[in-house]
Amino acid sequence: MKARTKFIIGGVLILGSVGYLMGSSIKDTGEYYLTPTQLATRVAADHSFYNVGVRMGARVVKGSITRDVATQTITFRATDGAHTFPVVYHGLAPDTFTDGVDVVVEGRLMPDGTFRATTLLAKCASRYEAVPPPSSAAPAHPAPASGPAT
């Protein structure tokens, strides 16, 4: 066998092995985040899933946010409508973090059922909309005030 043929066969084997390893690892971690229902399902199927780094995407339950300014701790409940997890986060929250906003938290689910977040991302709740046209009943320019100026 020629050296060039051996080199080509070796390169193909190495590239194939690397491609297989990349494909199998992407399949396992291809999801950006889990919903609370998916997280609860994984924990029920595999109890070793506790204390494993994971991202969870959910909505903040209205009225559940509590802040401890002294320790910079924020606690709230996150839900997808079917399952709810209490979340504890230490640090400063984004300006857009309010009741009812969609969040992605990164951290670990503890055996007591609390999600300990190390990262908190909040979706911007505003939408960009066109300014509504002025109504035809209102005058385009208000009339000047009548009467003497003081």
Protein backbone atom coordinates (compact mmCIF):
# COMPACT_ATOMS: atom_id res chain seq x y z
CA MET A 1 0.00 0.00 0.00
CA LYS A 2 1.28 3.46 -0.84
CA ALA A 3 1.93 6.02 1.87
CA ARG A 4 -0.61 8.38 0.32
CA THR A 5 -3.37 5.74 0.51
CA LYS A 6 -2.53 5.02 4.16
CA PHE A 7 -2.64 8.75 4.93
CA ILE A 8 -6.07 9.14 3.27
CA ILE A 9 -7.50 6.08 5.08
CA GLY A 10 -6.14 7.34 8.42
CA GLY A 11 -7.58 10.82 7.83
CA VAL A 12 -11.00 9.41 6.96
CA LEU A 13 -11.00 7.25 10.11
CA ILE A 14 -10.01 10.20 12.32
CA LEU A 15 -12.59 12.54 10.77
CA GLY A 16 -15.27 9.86 11.05
CA SER A 17 -14.49 9.26 14.71
CA VAL A 18 -14.52 12.98 15.52
CA GLY A 19 -17.78 13.44 13.61
CA TYR A 20 -19.43 10.56 15.49
CA LEU A 21 -18.33 11.93 18.87
CA MET A 22 -19.56 15.42 18.02
CA GLY A 23 -22.91 14.13 16.75
CA SER A 24 -23.55 11.95 19.79
CA SER A 25 -22.66 14.73 22.25
CA ILE A 26 -24.84 17.29 20.44
CA LYS A 27 -27.75 14.87 20.55
CA ASP A 28 -27.45 14.61 24.33
CA THR A 29 -27.09 18.36 24.97
CA GLY A 30 -28.87 19.82 21.96
CA GLU A 31 -31.69 21.42 23.96
CA TYR A 32 -31.08 25.00 25.06
CA TYR A 33 -33.29 24.62 28.12
CA LEU A 34 -35.85 22.31 29.69
CA THR A 35 -39.36 23.30 30.72
CA PRO A 36 -40.40 22.52 34.31
CA THR A 37 -42.45 19.58 33.02
CA GLN A 38 -39.47 18.15 31.12
CA LEU A 39 -37.25 18.66 34.16
CA ALA A 40 -39.75 16.92 36.45
CA THR A 41 -40.00 14.02 33.98
CA ARG A 42 -36.21 13.61 33.81
CA VAL A 43 -35.88 13.69 37.58
CA ALA A 44 -38.66 11.12 38.00
CA ALA A 45 -36.93 8.81 35.50
CA ASP A 46 -33.40 9.33 36.85
CA HIS A 47 -32.90 10.46 40.46
CA SER A 48 -29.21 11.10 39.77
CA PHE A 49 -30.35 14.12 37.71
CA TYR A 50 -30.45 16.14 40.93
CA ASN A 51 -27.52 18.50 41.43
CA VAL A 52 -26.66 18.42 37.71
CA GLY A 53 -26.14 21.68 35.83
CA VAL A 54 -29.17 22.45 33.66
CA ARG A 55 -31.07 25.37 32.13
CA MET A 56 -34.77 25.77 32.75
CA GLY A 57 -37.09 28.05 30.80
CA ALA A 58 -40.35 29.06 32.45
CA ARG A 59 -42.60 31.95 33.44
CA VAL A 60 -42.43 33.71 36.80
CA VAL A 61 -45.58 33.10 38.84
CA LYS A 62 -47.27 36.43 39.58
CA GLY A 63 -46.85 37.57 43.17
CA SER A 64 -44.14 35.03 43.99
CA ILE A 65 -41.07 37.28 43.83
CA THR A 66 -39.40 38.09 47.14
CA ARG A 67 -36.13 40.03 47.42
CA ASP A 68 -33.69 40.15 50.30
CA VAL A 69 -31.66 43.29 49.66
CA ALA A 70 -29.11 42.57 52.39
CA THR A 71 -28.01 39.25 50.87
CA GLN A 72 -29.01 40.06 47.26
CA THR A 73 -31.17 36.94 47.21
CA ILE A 74 -34.22 36.65 44.98
CA THR A 75 -36.71 33.84 45.38
CA PHE A 76 -39.63 33.16 43.09
CA ARG A 77 -41.63 30.32 41.57
CA ALA A 78 -41.21 29.34 37.92
CA THR A 79 -43.89 27.44 36.01
CA ASP A 80 -44.89 26.23 32.59
CA GLY A 81 -48.50 25.80 33.66
CA ALA A 82 -48.19 22.13 34.59
CA HIS A 83 -45.22 22.04 36.99
CA THR A 84 -43.80 24.69 39.30
CA PHE A 85 -40.37 24.91 40.92
CA PRO A 86 -39.19 27.35 43.58
CA VAL A 87 -36.08 29.20 42.38
CA VAL A 88 -33.39 30.85 44.52
CA TYR A 89 -30.96 33.25 42.85
CA HIS A 90 -28.10 35.20 44.47
CA GLY A 91 -27.13 38.36 42.61
CA LEU A 92 -28.61 41.30 40.78
CA ALA A 93 -31.61 40.61 38.58
CA PRO A 94 -32.02 42.11 35.11
CA ASP A 95 -34.17 45.25 34.82
CA THR A 96 -36.78 43.28 32.86
CA PHE A 97 -37.28 40.74 35.67
CA THR A 98 -40.87 41.19 36.92
CA ASP A 99 -43.98 39.13 37.65
CA GLY A 100 -45.21 37.07 34.71
CA VAL A 101 -42.06 37.47 32.59
CA ASP A 102 -40.44 34.53 30.77
CA VAL A 103 -37.08 33.58 32.26
CA VAL A 104 -34.25 31.16 31.60
CA VAL A 105 -32.40 30.13 34.74
CA GLU A 106 -29.18 28.15 34.77
CA GLY A 107 -28.22 26.17 37.83
CA ARG A 108 -28.96 22.95 39.68
CA LEU A 109 -32.12 21.27 40.93
CA MET A 110 -31.57 20.28 44.53
CA PRO A 111 -33.01 17.12 46.15
CA ASP A 112 -35.43 19.29 48.18
CA GLY A 113 -37.03 20.43 44.88
CA THR A 114 -35.52 23.94 44.90
CA PHE A 115 -33.77 25.18 41.79
CA ARG A 116 -30.55 27.01 42.79
CA ALA A 117 -29.86 29.41 39.93
CA THR A 118 -26.43 30.81 39.11
CA THR A 119 -27.64 32.75 36.05
CA LEU A 120 -30.95 34.56 35.54
CA LEU A 121 -32.03 35.79 32.11
CA ALA A 122 -35.34 37.61 31.65
CA LYS A 123 -37.17 38.14 28.38
CA CYS A 124 -38.06 41.70 27.52
CA ALA A 125 -41.80 42.03 28.02
CA SER A 126 -42.26 44.96 25.66
CA ARG A 127 -43.33 44.70 22.05
CA TYR A 128 -42.56 47.08 19.29
CA GLU A 129 -45.78 48.38 17.74
CA ALA A 130 -46.64 51.15 15.35
CA VAL A 131 -48.01 54.31 16.88
CA PRO A 132 -51.80 54.30 16.44
CA PRO A 133 -53.08 56.97 14.02
CA PRO A 134 -54.70 60.01 15.65
CA SER A 135 -58.45 59.74 15.94
CA SER A 136 -60.48 61.88 13.54
CA ALA A 137 -62.55 63.33 16.40
CA ALA A 138 -59.57 65.07 18.05
CA PRO A 139 -58.20 68.19 16.33
CA ALA A 140 -54.72 67.89 14.90
CA HIS A 141 -53.58 71.10 16.65
CA PRO A 142 -55.26 72.40 19.78
CA ALA A 143 -56.79 75.86 19.56
CA PRO A 144 -54.83 78.59 21.35
CA ALA A 145 -56.13 79.55 24.75
CA SER A 146 -58.26 82.68 24.72
CA GLY A 147 -58.06 85.40 27.31
CA PRO A 148 -55.47 87.80 28.55
CA ALA A 149 -52.01 86.56 29.29
CA THR A 150 -50.77 87.19 32.80
